[in-house]
Amino acid sequence: MAVLRSFLLLFMIFSMGNAGVDLFLKCPTGWTIFGLRCYKHFSQPANRITAEDGQWLWSDGTAYDYTKWCSGEPNNHHRPENCLEINNSHNRCWNDVPCSYSKNYVCVMDL
């Protein structure tokens, strides 16, 4: 009986503490939830020709405050290189590439 009471008490506390939170937030089929966002990796390559010239932004237009460029990057070697590939080498660093290159990609959406 004490175990049942403890279980009910925990259930009530949990329910009250999350009264304003939707406990059934779900990502669409094939997407993965992490925090309050859904992520999906697409293995069919695509390109990003509409990149802003000379500005580094996330595809949704927001600026970023984190970088992990590979040594000597960004270097604009194949002029222009206005897009970014992540995990370019065993160092898992960033490389700038032409936006016409087709690459796998990850999409994110808020719940």
PDB file of N, CA and C in Angstrom:
ATOM      1  N   MET A   1       0.816  -1.196   0.000  1.00  0.00           N
ATOM      2  CA  MET A   1       0.000   0.000   0.000  1.00  0.00           C
ATOM      3  C   MET A   1       0.862   1.264   0.000  1.00  0.00           C
ATOM      4  N   ALA A   2       1.976   1.227   0.726  1.00  0.00           N
ATOM      5  CA  ALA A   2       2.868   2.383   0.781  1.00  0.00           C
ATOM      6  C   ALA A   2       3.482   2.645  -0.596  1.00  0.00           C
ATOM      7  N   VAL A   3       3.772   1.599  -1.335  1.00  0.00           N
ATOM      8  CA  VAL A   3       4.344   1.759  -2.672  1.00  0.00           C
ATOM      9  C   VAL A   3       3.328   2.415  -3.595  1.00  0.00           C
ATOM     10  N   LEU A   4       2.070   1.986  -3.491  1.00  0.00           N
ATOM     11  CA  LEU A   4       1.010   2.565  -4.315  1.00  0.00           C
ATOM     12  C   LEU A   4       0.827   4.043  -3.985  1.00  0.00           C
ATOM     13  N   ARG A   5       0.830   4.385  -2.697  1.00  0.00           N
ATOM     14  CA  ARG A   5       0.709   5.780  -2.292  1.00  0.00           C
ATOM     15  C   ARG A   5       1.875   6.611  -2.827  1.00  0.00           C
ATOM     16  N   SER A   6       3.085   6.081  -2.750  1.00  0.00           N
ATOM     17  CA  SER A   6       4.265   6.784  -3.257  1.00  0.00           C
ATOM     18  C   SER A   6       4.151   7.006  -4.756  1.00  0.00           C
ATOM     19  N   PHE A   7       3.695   5.978  -5.463  1.00  0.00           N
ATOM     20  CA  PHE A   7       3.531   6.090  -6.912  1.00  0.00           C
ATOM     21  C   PHE A   7       2.502   7.162  -7.249  1.00  0.00           C
ATOM     22  N   LEU A   8       1.367   7.163  -6.562  1.00  0.00           N
ATOM     23  CA  LEU A   8       0.327   8.154  -6.817  1.00  0.00           C
ATOM     24  C   LEU A   8       0.819   9.568  -6.491  1.00  0.00           C
ATOM     25  N   LEU A   9       1.563   9.708  -5.402  1.00  0.00           N
ATOM     26  CA  LEU A   9       2.108  11.010  -5.031  1.00  0.00           C
ATOM     27  C   LEU A   9       3.078  11.513  -6.109  1.00  0.00           C
ATOM     28  N   LEU A  10       3.955  10.647  -6.569  1.00  0.00           N
ATOM     29  CA  LEU A  10       4.886  11.031  -7.626  1.00  0.00           C
ATOM     30  C   LEU A  10       4.137  11.408  -8.901  1.00  0.00           C
ATOM     31  N   PHE A  11       3.107  10.658  -9.235  1.00  0.00           N
ATOM     32  CA  PHE A  11       2.318  10.956 -10.431  1.00  0.00           C
ATOM     33  C   PHE A  11       1.654  12.323 -10.311  1.00  0.00           C
ATOM     34  N   MET A  12       1.100  12.622  -9.135  1.00  0.00           N
ATOM     35  CA  MET A  12       0.442  13.912  -8.931  1.00  0.00           C
ATOM     36  C   MET A  12       1.451  15.058  -9.024  1.00  0.00           C
ATOM     37  N   ILE A  13       2.601  14.891  -8.414  1.00  0.00           N
ATOM     38  CA  ILE A  13       3.630  15.936  -8.460  1.00  0.00           C
ATOM     39  C   ILE A  13       4.087  16.158  -9.889  1.00  0.00           C
ATOM     40  N   PHE A  14       4.351  15.072 -10.606  1.00  0.00           N
ATOM     41  CA  PHE A  14       4.782  15.185 -11.995  1.00  0.00           C
ATOM     42  C   PHE A  14       3.712  15.863 -12.841  1.00  0.00           C
ATOM     43  N   SER A  15       2.465  15.477 -12.657  1.00  0.00           N
ATOM     44  CA  SER A  15       1.365  16.054 -13.436  1.00  0.00           C
ATOM     45  C   SER A  15       1.199  17.537 -13.146  1.00  0.00           C
ATOM     46  N   MET A  16       1.296  17.928 -11.888  1.00  0.00           N
ATOM     47  CA  MET A  16       1.116  19.330 -11.523  1.00  0.00           C
ATOM     48  C   MET A  16       2.288  20.173 -12.022  1.00  0.00           C
ATOM     49  N   GLY A  17       3.485  19.635 -11.967  1.00  0.00           N
ATOM     50  CA  GLY A  17       4.665  20.374 -12.386  1.00  0.00           C
ATOM     51  C   GLY A  17       4.704  20.619 -13.882  1.00  0.00           C
ATOM     52  N   ASN A  18       3.989  19.818 -14.642  1.00  0.00           N
ATOM     53  CA  ASN A  18       3.985  19.938 -16.091  1.00  0.00           C
ATOM     54  C   ASN A  18       2.621  20.337 -16.625  1.00  0.00           C
ATOM     55  N   ALA A  19       1.816  20.972 -15.793  1.00  0.00           N
ATOM     56  CA  ALA A  19       0.451  21.307 -16.206  1.00  0.00           C
ATOM     57  C   ALA A  19       0.419  22.182 -17.444  1.00  0.00           C
ATOM     58  N   GLY A  20       1.416  23.064 -17.626  1.00  0.00           N
ATOM     59  CA  GLY A  20       1.416  23.962 -18.772  1.00  0.00           C
ATOM     60  C   GLY A  20       2.223  23.449 -19.952  1.00  0.00           C
ATOM     61  N   VAL A  21       2.748  22.221 -19.854  1.00  0.00           N
ATOM     62  CA  VAL A  21       3.600  21.682 -20.900  1.00  0.00           C
ATOM     63  C   VAL A  21       2.868  20.579 -21.631  1.00  0.00           C
ATOM     64  N   ASP A  22       2.906  20.606 -22.934  1.00  0.00           N
ATOM     65  CA  ASP A  22       2.307  19.555 -23.741  1.00  0.00           C
ATOM     66  C   ASP A  22       3.254  18.365 -23.748  1.00  0.00           C
ATOM     67  N   LEU A  23       2.881  17.291 -23.045  1.00  0.00           N
ATOM     68  CA  LEU A  23       3.742  16.127 -22.925  1.00  0.00           C
ATOM     69  C   LEU A  23       3.703  15.260 -24.177  1.00  0.00           C
ATOM     70  N   PHE A  24       2.899  15.629 -25.140  1.00  0.00           N
ATOM     71  CA  PHE A  24       2.734  14.802 -26.323  1.00  0.00           C
ATOM     72  C   PHE A  24       3.304  15.479 -27.567  1.00  0.00           C
ATOM     73  N   LEU A  25       4.273  16.372 -27.376  1.00  0.00           N
ATOM     74  CA  LEU A  25       4.930  16.986 -28.526  1.00  0.00           C
ATOM     75  C   LEU A  25       5.681  15.898 -29.272  1.00  0.00           C
ATOM     76  N   LYS A  26       5.468  15.821 -30.549  1.00  0.00           N
ATOM     77  CA  LYS A  26       6.107  14.784 -31.335  1.00  0.00           C
ATOM     78  C   LYS A  26       6.665  15.370 -32.615  1.00  0.00           C
ATOM     79  N   CYS A  27       7.696  14.739 -33.089  1.00  0.00           N
ATOM     80  CA  CYS A  27       8.250  15.076 -34.389  1.00  0.00           C
ATOM     81  C   CYS A  27       7.513  14.258 -35.448  1.00  0.00           C
ATOM     82  N   PRO A  28       7.509  14.752 -36.680  1.00  0.00           N
ATOM     83  CA  PRO A  28       6.921  13.953 -37.751  1.00  0.00           C
ATOM     84  C   PRO A  28       7.678  12.627 -37.914  1.00  0.00           C
ATOM     85  N   THR A  29       7.064  11.670 -38.530  1.00  0.00           N
ATOM     86  CA  THR A  29       7.685  10.381 -38.775  1.00  0.00           C
ATOM     87  C   THR A  29       9.010  10.566 -39.511  1.00  0.00           C
ATOM     88  N   GLY A  30      10.040   9.898 -39.020  1.00  0.00           N
ATOM     89  CA  GLY A  30      11.356   9.978 -39.644  1.00  0.00           C
ATOM     90  C   GLY A  30      12.249  11.067 -39.075  1.00  0.00           C
ATOM     91  N   TRP A  31      11.707  11.917 -38.201  1.00  0.00           N
ATOM     92  CA  TRP A  31      12.472  12.997 -37.570  1.00  0.00           C
ATOM     93  C   TRP A  31      12.827  12.566 -36.147  1.00  0.00           C
ATOM     94  N   THR A  32      13.885  13.169 -35.581  1.00  0.00           N
ATOM     95  CA  THR A  32      14.343  12.858 -34.231  1.00  0.00           C
ATOM     96  C   THR A  32      14.187  14.081 -33.350  1.00  0.00           C
ATOM     97  N   ILE A  33      13.629  13.884 -32.164  1.00  0.00           N
ATOM     98  CA  ILE A  33      13.464  14.998 -31.233  1.00  0.00           C
ATOM     99  C   ILE A  33      14.738  15.155 -30.407  1.00  0.00           C
ATOM    100  N   PHE A  34      15.140  16.402 -30.200  1.00  0.00           N
ATOM    101  CA  PHE A  34      16.235  16.740 -29.302  1.00  0.00           C
ATOM    102  C   PHE A  34      15.895  18.092 -28.713  1.00  0.00           C
ATOM    103  N   GLY A  35      15.691  18.140 -27.411  1.00  0.00           N
ATOM    104  CA  GLY A  35      15.231  19.382 -26.780  1.00  0.00           C
ATOM    105  C   GLY A  35      13.843  19.713 -27.294  1.00  0.00           C
ATOM    106  N   LEU A  36      13.658  20.920 -27.764  1.00  0.00           N
ATOM    107  CA  LEU A  36      12.366  21.339 -28.294  1.00  0.00           C
ATOM    108  C   LEU A  36      12.402  21.493 -29.815  1.00  0.00           C
ATOM    109  N   ARG A  37      13.261  20.713 -30.454  1.00  0.00           N
ATOM    110  CA  ARG A  37      13.376  20.760 -31.913  1.00  0.00           C
ATOM    111  C   ARG A  37      13.373  19.349 -32.492  1.00  0.00           C
ATOM    112  N   CYS A  38      13.028  19.269 -33.751  1.00  0.00           N
ATOM    113  CA  CYS A  38      13.076  18.016 -34.494  1.00  0.00           C
ATOM    114  C   CYS A  38      14.158  18.122 -35.551  1.00  0.00           C
ATOM    115  N   TYR A  39      14.909  17.040 -35.755  1.00  0.00           N
ATOM    116  CA  TYR A  39      16.004  17.011 -36.712  1.00  0.00           C
ATOM    117  C   TYR A  39      15.812  15.840 -37.668  1.00  0.00           C
ATOM    118  N   LYS A  40      16.245  16.038 -38.918  1.00  0.00           N
ATOM    119  CA  LYS A  40      16.215  14.950 -39.883  1.00  0.00           C
ATOM    120  C   LYS A  40      17.412  15.075 -40.818  1.00  0.00           C
ATOM    121  N   HIS A  41      18.129  13.960 -40.967  1.00  0.00           N
ATOM    122  CA  HIS A  41      19.257  13.888 -41.900  1.00  0.00           C
ATOM    123  C   HIS A  41      18.730  13.405 -43.243  1.00  0.00           C
ATOM    124  N   PHE A  42      19.101  14.110 -44.293  1.00  0.00           N
ATOM    125  CA  PHE A  42      18.720  13.725 -45.647  1.00  0.00           C
ATOM    126  C   PHE A  42      19.977  13.243 -46.368  1.00  0.00           C
ATOM    127  N   SER A  43      19.960  11.996 -46.809  1.00  0.00           N
ATOM    128  CA  SER A  43      21.148  11.428 -47.450  1.00  0.00           C
ATOM    129  C   SER A  43      21.171  11.678 -48.953  1.00  0.00           C
ATOM    130  N   GLN A  44      20.074  12.166 -49.512  1.00  0.00           N
ATOM    131  CA  GLN A  44      20.079  12.511 -50.933  1.00  0.00           C
ATOM    132  C   GLN A  44      20.662  13.915 -51.072  1.00  0.00           C
ATOM    133  N   PRO A  45      21.822  14.041 -51.725  1.00  0.00           N
ATOM    134  CA  PRO A  45      22.496  15.346 -51.801  1.00  0.00           C
ATOM    135  C   PRO A  45      21.661  16.424 -52.490  1.00  0.00           C
ATOM    136  N   ALA A  46      21.862  17.642 -52.029  1.00  0.00           N
ATOM    137  CA  ALA A  46      21.237  18.824 -52.617  1.00  0.00           C
ATOM    138  C   ALA A  46      22.240  19.964 -52.505  1.00  0.00           C
ATOM    139  N   ASN A  47      21.979  21.060 -53.237  1.00  0.00           N
ATOM    140  CA  ASN A  47      22.889  22.196 -53.131  1.00  0.00           C
ATOM    141  C   ASN A  47      22.146  23.425 -52.618  1.00  0.00           C
ATOM    142  N   ARG A  48      22.905  24.445 -52.294  1.00  0.00           N
ATOM    143  CA  ARG A  48      22.349  25.685 -51.744  1.00  0.00           C
ATOM    144  C   ARG A  48      22.880  26.858 -52.568  1.00  0.00           C
ATOM    145  N   ILE A  49      22.312  27.075 -53.722  1.00  0.00           N
ATOM    146  CA  ILE A  49      22.796  28.110 -54.628  1.00  0.00           C
ATOM    147  C   ILE A  49      22.396  29.501 -54.160  1.00  0.00           C
ATOM    148  N   THR A  50      21.398  29.605 -53.304  1.00  0.00           N
ATOM    149  CA  THR A  50      20.889  30.914 -52.892  1.00  0.00           C
ATOM    150  C   THR A  50      21.638  31.507 -51.700  1.00  0.00           C
ATOM    151  N   ALA A  51      22.834  31.039 -51.419  1.00  0.00           N
ATOM    152  CA  ALA A  51      23.595  31.537 -50.261  1.00  0.00           C
ATOM    153  C   ALA A  51      23.908  33.019 -50.402  1.00  0.00           C
ATOM    154  N   GLU A  52      23.957  33.705 -49.276  1.00  0.00           N
ATOM    155  CA  GLU A  52      24.302  35.126 -49.270  1.00  0.00           C
ATOM    156  C   GLU A  52      25.786  35.293 -49.550  1.00  0.00           C
ATOM    157  N   ASP A  53      26.130  36.177 -50.434  1.00  0.00           N
ATOM    158  CA  ASP A  53      27.518  36.388 -50.819  1.00  0.00           C
ATOM    159  C   ASP A  53      28.287  37.093 -49.710  1.00  0.00           C
ATOM    160  N   GLY A  54      29.331  36.439 -49.215  1.00  0.00           N
ATOM    161  CA  GLY A  54      30.232  37.059 -48.249  1.00  0.00           C
ATOM    162  C   GLY A  54      29.747  37.088 -46.811  1.00  0.00           C
ATOM    163  N   GLN A  55      28.608  36.516 -46.504  1.00  0.00           N
ATOM    164  CA  GLN A  55      28.100  36.484 -45.133  1.00  0.00           C
ATOM    165  C   GLN A  55      27.916  35.049 -44.707  1.00  0.00           C
ATOM    166  N   TRP A  56      28.292  34.749 -43.470  1.00  0.00           N
ATOM    167  CA  TRP A  56      28.059  33.414 -42.949  1.00  0.00           C
ATOM    168  C   TRP A  56      26.817  33.464 -42.081  1.00  0.00           C
ATOM    169  N   LEU A  57      25.773  32.795 -42.520  1.00  0.00           N
ATOM    170  CA  LEU A  57      24.491  32.729 -41.815  1.00  0.00           C
ATOM    171  C   LEU A  57      23.987  31.303 -41.860  1.00  0.00           C
ATOM    172  N   TRP A  58      23.161  30.945 -40.891  1.00  0.00           N
ATOM    173  CA  TRP A  58      22.432  29.683 -40.998  1.00  0.00           C
ATOM    174  C   TRP A  58      21.388  29.862 -42.087  1.00  0.00           C
ATOM    175  N   SER A  59      20.905  28.793 -42.641  1.00  0.00           N
ATOM    176  CA  SER A  59      19.984  28.876 -43.778  1.00  0.00           C
ATOM    177  C   SER A  59      18.679  29.590 -43.427  1.00  0.00           C
ATOM    178  N   ASP A  60      18.355  29.688 -42.133  1.00  0.00           N
ATOM    179  CA  ASP A  60      17.141  30.427 -41.754  1.00  0.00           C
ATOM    180  C   ASP A  60      17.419  31.922 -41.569  1.00  0.00           C
ATOM    181  N   GLY A  61      18.668  32.355 -41.845  1.00  0.00           N
ATOM    182  CA  GLY A  61      19.005  33.771 -41.791  1.00  0.00           C
ATOM    183  C   GLY A  61      19.608  34.237 -40.480  1.00  0.00           C
ATOM    184  N   THR A  62      19.621  33.403 -39.473  1.00  0.00           N
ATOM    185  CA  THR A  62      20.179  33.827 -38.192  1.00  0.00           C
ATOM    186  C   THR A  62      21.702  33.764 -38.231  1.00  0.00           C
ATOM    187  N   ALA A  63      22.324  34.704 -37.530  1.00  0.00           N
ATOM    188  CA  ALA A  63      23.783  34.701 -37.416  1.00  0.00           C
ATOM    189  C   ALA A  63      24.190  33.582 -36.456  1.00  0.00           C
ATOM    190  N   TYR A  64      25.420  33.151 -36.537  1.00  0.00           N
ATOM    191  CA  TYR A  64      25.880  32.128 -35.602  1.00  0.00           C
ATOM    192  C   TYR A  64      27.036  32.658 -34.780  1.00  0.00           C
ATOM    193  N   ASP A  65      27.178  32.104 -33.580  1.00  0.00           N
ATOM    194  CA  ASP A  65      28.231  32.559 -32.679  1.00  0.00           C
ATOM    195  C   ASP A  65      29.194  31.433 -32.322  1.00  0.00           C
ATOM    196  N   TYR A  66      29.180  30.365 -33.098  1.00  0.00           N
ATOM    197  CA  TYR A  66      30.060  29.228 -32.875  1.00  0.00           C
ATOM    198  C   TYR A  66      30.747  28.894 -34.187  1.00  0.00           C
ATOM    199  N   THR A  67      32.026  28.651 -34.163  1.00  0.00           N
ATOM    200  CA  THR A  67      32.736  28.223 -35.365  1.00  0.00           C
ATOM    201  C   THR A  67      33.692  27.091 -35.015  1.00  0.00           C
ATOM    202  N   LYS A  68      33.949  26.266 -35.989  1.00  0.00           N
ATOM    203  CA  LYS A  68      34.943  25.198 -35.837  1.00  0.00           C
ATOM    204  C   LYS A  68      35.593  24.946 -37.199  1.00  0.00           C
ATOM    205  N   TRP A  69      36.182  26.012 -37.755  1.00  0.00           N
ATOM    206  CA  TRP A  69      36.822  25.916 -39.059  1.00  0.00           C
ATOM    207  C   TRP A  69      38.029  24.995 -39.003  1.00  0.00           C
ATOM    208  N   CYS A  70      38.253  24.246 -40.084  1.00  0.00           N
ATOM    209  CA  CYS A  70      39.491  23.473 -40.235  1.00  0.00           C
ATOM    210  C   CYS A  70      40.640  24.474 -40.359  1.00  0.00           C
ATOM    211  N   SER A  71      41.836  24.020 -40.123  1.00  0.00           N
ATOM    212  CA  SER A  71      43.007  24.888 -40.230  1.00  0.00           C
ATOM    213  C   SER A  71      43.075  25.494 -41.627  1.00  0.00           C
ATOM    214  N   GLY A  72      43.232  26.822 -41.703  1.00  0.00           N
ATOM    215  CA  GLY A  72      43.330  27.513 -42.977  1.00  0.00           C
ATOM    216  C   GLY A  72      41.999  27.831 -43.646  1.00  0.00           C
ATOM    217  N   GLU A  73      40.898  27.516 -42.995  1.00  0.00           N
ATOM    218  CA  GLU A  73      39.557  27.781 -43.544  1.00  0.00           C
ATOM    219  C   GLU A  73      38.911  28.936 -42.790  1.00  0.00           C
ATOM    220  N   PRO A  74      37.978  29.635 -43.346  1.00  0.00           N
ATOM    221  CA  PRO A  74      37.552  29.546 -44.747  1.00  0.00           C
ATOM    222  C   PRO A  74      38.583  30.185 -45.667  1.00  0.00           C
ATOM    223  N   ASN A  75      38.777  29.574 -46.840  1.00  0.00           N
ATOM    224  CA  ASN A  75      39.829  30.081 -47.729  1.00  0.00           C
ATOM    225  C   ASN A  75      39.323  30.470 -49.122  1.00  0.00           C
ATOM    226  N   ASN A  76      38.062  30.198 -49.433  1.00  0.00           N
ATOM    227  CA  ASN A  76      37.484  30.586 -50.712  1.00  0.00           C
ATOM    228  C   ASN A  76      38.305  30.038 -51.888  1.00  0.00           C
ATOM    229  N   HIS A  77      38.820  28.814 -51.725  1.00  0.00           N
ATOM    230  CA  HIS A  77      39.731  28.202 -52.684  1.00  0.00           C
ATOM    231  C   HIS A  77      39.127  28.037 -54.085  1.00  0.00           C
ATOM    232  N   HIS A  78      37.890  27.600 -54.187  1.00  0.00           N
ATOM    233  CA  HIS A  78      37.242  27.382 -55.488  1.00  0.00           C
ATOM    234  C   HIS A  78      36.365  28.560 -55.894  1.00  0.00           C
ATOM    235  N   ARG A  79      36.588  29.691 -55.443  1.00  0.00           N
ATOM    236  CA  ARG A  79      35.881  30.959 -55.688  1.00  0.00           C
ATOM    237  C   ARG A  79      34.589  30.816 -56.457  1.00  0.00           C
ATOM    238  N   PRO A  80      33.486  31.225 -55.982  1.00  0.00           N
ATOM    239  CA  PRO A  80      33.287  31.546 -54.568  1.00  0.00           C
ATOM    240  C   PRO A  80      32.952  30.289 -53.771  1.00  0.00           C
ATOM    241  N   GLU A  81      33.274  30.304 -52.489  1.00  0.00           N
ATOM    242  CA  GLU A  81      32.890  29.239 -51.560  1.00  0.00           C
ATOM    243  C   GLU A  81      32.068  29.885 -50.451  1.00  0.00           C
ATOM    244  N   ASN A  82      30.778  29.973 -50.678  1.00  0.00           N
ATOM    245  CA  ASN A  82      29.892  30.669 -49.746  1.00  0.00           C
ATOM    246  C   ASN A  82      29.030  29.728 -48.918  1.00  0.00           C
ATOM    247  N   CYS A  83      29.268  28.431 -49.025  1.00  0.00           N
ATOM    248  CA  CYS A  83      28.533  27.461 -48.212  1.00  0.00           C
ATOM    249  C   CYS A  83      29.525  26.698 -47.341  1.00  0.00           C
ATOM    250  N   LEU A  84      28.993  25.989 -46.380  1.00  0.00           N
ATOM    251  CA  LEU A  84      29.811  25.354 -45.359  1.00  0.00           C
ATOM    252  C   LEU A  84      29.481  23.880 -45.285  1.00  0.00           C
ATOM    253  N   GLU A  85      30.506  23.032 -45.175  1.00  0.00           N
ATOM    254  CA  GLU A  85      30.285  21.623 -44.890  1.00  0.00           C
ATOM    255  C   GLU A  85      30.831  21.335 -43.497  1.00  0.00           C
ATOM    256  N   ILE A  86      30.068  20.581 -42.756  1.00  0.00           N
ATOM    257  CA  ILE A  86      30.412  20.246 -41.373  1.00  0.00           C
ATOM    258  C   ILE A  86      30.994  18.838 -41.340  1.00  0.00           C
ATOM    259  N   ASN A  87      31.902  18.577 -40.392  1.00  0.00           N
ATOM    260  CA  ASN A  87      32.551  17.273 -40.250  1.00  0.00           C
ATOM    261  C   ASN A  87      33.315  16.914 -41.514  1.00  0.00           C
ATOM    262  N   ASN A  88      34.083  17.873 -42.011  1.00  0.00           N
ATOM    263  CA  ASN A  88      34.820  17.717 -43.257  1.00  0.00           C
ATOM    264  C   ASN A  88      35.912  16.653 -43.186  1.00  0.00           C
ATOM    265  N   SER A  89      36.524  16.456 -42.045  1.00  0.00           N
ATOM    266  CA  SER A  89      37.648  15.528 -41.929  1.00  0.00           C
ATOM    267  C   SER A  89      37.537  14.742 -40.629  1.00  0.00           C
ATOM    268  N   HIS A  90      38.557  13.963 -40.339  1.00  0.00           N
ATOM    269  CA  HIS A  90      38.567  13.225 -39.076  1.00  0.00           C
ATOM    270  C   HIS A  90      38.562  14.168 -37.872  1.00  0.00           C
ATOM    271  N   ASN A  91      38.913  15.429 -38.091  1.00  0.00           N
ATOM    272  CA  ASN A  91      38.878  16.429 -37.012  1.00  0.00           C
ATOM    273  C   ASN A  91      37.476  16.967 -36.768  1.00  0.00           C
ATOM    274  N   ARG A  92      36.541  16.598 -37.637  1.00  0.00           N
ATOM    275  CA  ARG A  92      35.145  17.065 -37.546  1.00  0.00           C
ATOM    276  C   ARG A  92      35.075  18.588 -37.529  1.00  0.00           C
ATOM    277  N   CYS A  93      35.820  19.195 -38.455  1.00  0.00           N
ATOM    278  CA  CYS A  93      35.855  20.648 -38.543  1.00  0.00           C
ATOM    279  C   CYS A  93      35.095  21.120 -39.778  1.00  0.00           C
ATOM    280  N   TRP A  94      35.033  22.423 -39.957  1.00  0.00           N
ATOM    281  CA  TRP A  94      34.258  23.033 -41.036  1.00  0.00           C
ATOM    282  C   TRP A  94      35.146  23.407 -42.215  1.00  0.00           C
ATOM    283  N   ASN A  95      34.562  23.349 -43.407  1.00  0.00           N
ATOM    284  CA  ASN A  95      35.230  23.733 -44.638  1.00  0.00           C
ATOM    285  C   ASN A  95      34.262  24.574 -45.464  1.00  0.00           C
ATOM    286  N   ASP A  96      34.771  25.613 -46.123  1.00  0.00           N
ATOM    287  CA  ASP A  96      33.910  26.373 -47.033  1.00  0.00           C
ATOM    288  C   ASP A  96      33.954  25.708 -48.406  1.00  0.00           C
ATOM    289  N   VAL A  97      32.788  25.613 -49.053  1.00  0.00           N
ATOM    290  CA  VAL A  97      32.654  24.955 -50.359  1.00  0.00           C
ATOM    291  C   VAL A  97      31.741  25.791 -51.246  1.00  0.00           C
ATOM    292  N   PRO A  98      31.832  25.611 -52.558  1.00  0.00           N
ATOM    293  CA  PRO A  98      30.875  26.276 -53.446  1.00  0.00           C
ATOM    294  C   PRO A  98      29.448  25.794 -53.158  1.00  0.00           C
ATOM    295  N   CYS A  99      28.500  26.682 -53.241  1.00  0.00           N
ATOM    296  CA  CYS A  99      27.106  26.326 -52.960  1.00  0.00           C
ATOM    297  C   CYS A  99      26.506  25.428 -54.031  1.00  0.00           C
ATOM    298  N   SER A 100      27.188  25.291 -55.156  1.00  0.00           N
ATOM    299  CA  SER A 100      26.696  24.404 -56.208  1.00  0.00           C
ATOM    300  C   SER A 100      27.018  22.946 -55.908  1.00  0.00           C
ATOM    301  N   TYR A 101      27.898  22.672 -54.937  1.00  0.00           N
ATOM    302  CA  TYR A 101      28.213  21.299 -54.573  1.00  0.00           C
ATOM    303  C   TYR A 101      26.996  20.646 -53.933  1.00  0.00           C
ATOM    304  N   SER A 102      26.733  19.412 -54.303  1.00  0.00           N
ATOM    305  CA  SER A 102      25.637  18.654 -53.688  1.00  0.00           C
ATOM    306  C   SER A 102      26.175  17.885 -52.492  1.00  0.00           C
ATOM    307  N   LYS A 103      25.503  18.048 -51.368  1.00  0.00           N
ATOM    308  CA  LYS A 103      25.923  17.417 -50.112  1.00  0.00           C
ATOM    309  C   LYS A 103      24.701  16.884 -49.377  1.00  0.00           C
ATOM    310  N   ASN A 104      24.936  15.920 -48.480  1.00  0.00           N
ATOM    311  CA  ASN A 104      23.888  15.512 -47.549  1.00  0.00           C
ATOM    312  C   ASN A 104      23.613  16.691 -46.640  1.00  0.00           C
ATOM    313  N   TYR A 105      22.449  16.704 -46.010  1.00  0.00           N
ATOM    314  CA  TYR A 105      22.116  17.846 -45.164  1.00  0.00           C
ATOM    315  C   TYR A 105      21.195  17.440 -44.032  1.00  0.00           C
ATOM    316  N   VAL A 106      21.085  18.330 -43.045  1.00  0.00           N
ATOM    317  CA  VAL A 106      20.215  18.136 -41.880  1.00  0.00           C
ATOM    318  C   VAL A 106      19.263  19.310 -41.813  1.00  0.00           C
ATOM    319  N   CYS A 107      17.993  19.017 -41.592  1.00  0.00           N
ATOM    320  CA  CYS A 107      16.996  20.077 -41.375  1.00  0.00           C
ATOM    321  C   CYS A 107      16.563  20.060 -39.921  1.00  0.00           C
ATOM    322  N   VAL A 108      16.157  21.227 -39.427  1.00  0.00           N
ATOM    323  CA  VAL A 108      15.680  21.353 -38.062  1.00  0.00           C
ATOM    324  C   VAL A 108      14.402  22.176 -38.071  1.00  0.00           C
ATOM    325  N   MET A 109      13.488  21.827 -37.172  1.00  0.00           N
ATOM    326  CA  MET A 109      12.283  22.636 -37.010  1.00  0.00           C
ATOM    327  C   MET A 109      11.903  22.661 -35.543  1.00  0.00           C
ATOM    328  N   ASP A 110      11.363  23.796 -35.122  1.00  0.00           N
ATOM    329  CA  ASP A 110      10.895  23.938 -33.745  1.00  0.00           C
ATOM    330  C   ASP A 110       9.605  23.149 -33.556  1.00  0.00           C
ATOM    331  N   LEU A 111       9.405  22.652 -32.341  1.00  0.00           N
ATOM    332  CA  LEU A 111       8.138  21.986 -32.007  1.00  0.00           C
ATOM    333  C   LEU A 111       7.083  23.028 -31.720  1.00  0.00           C
TER     334      LEU A 111
END
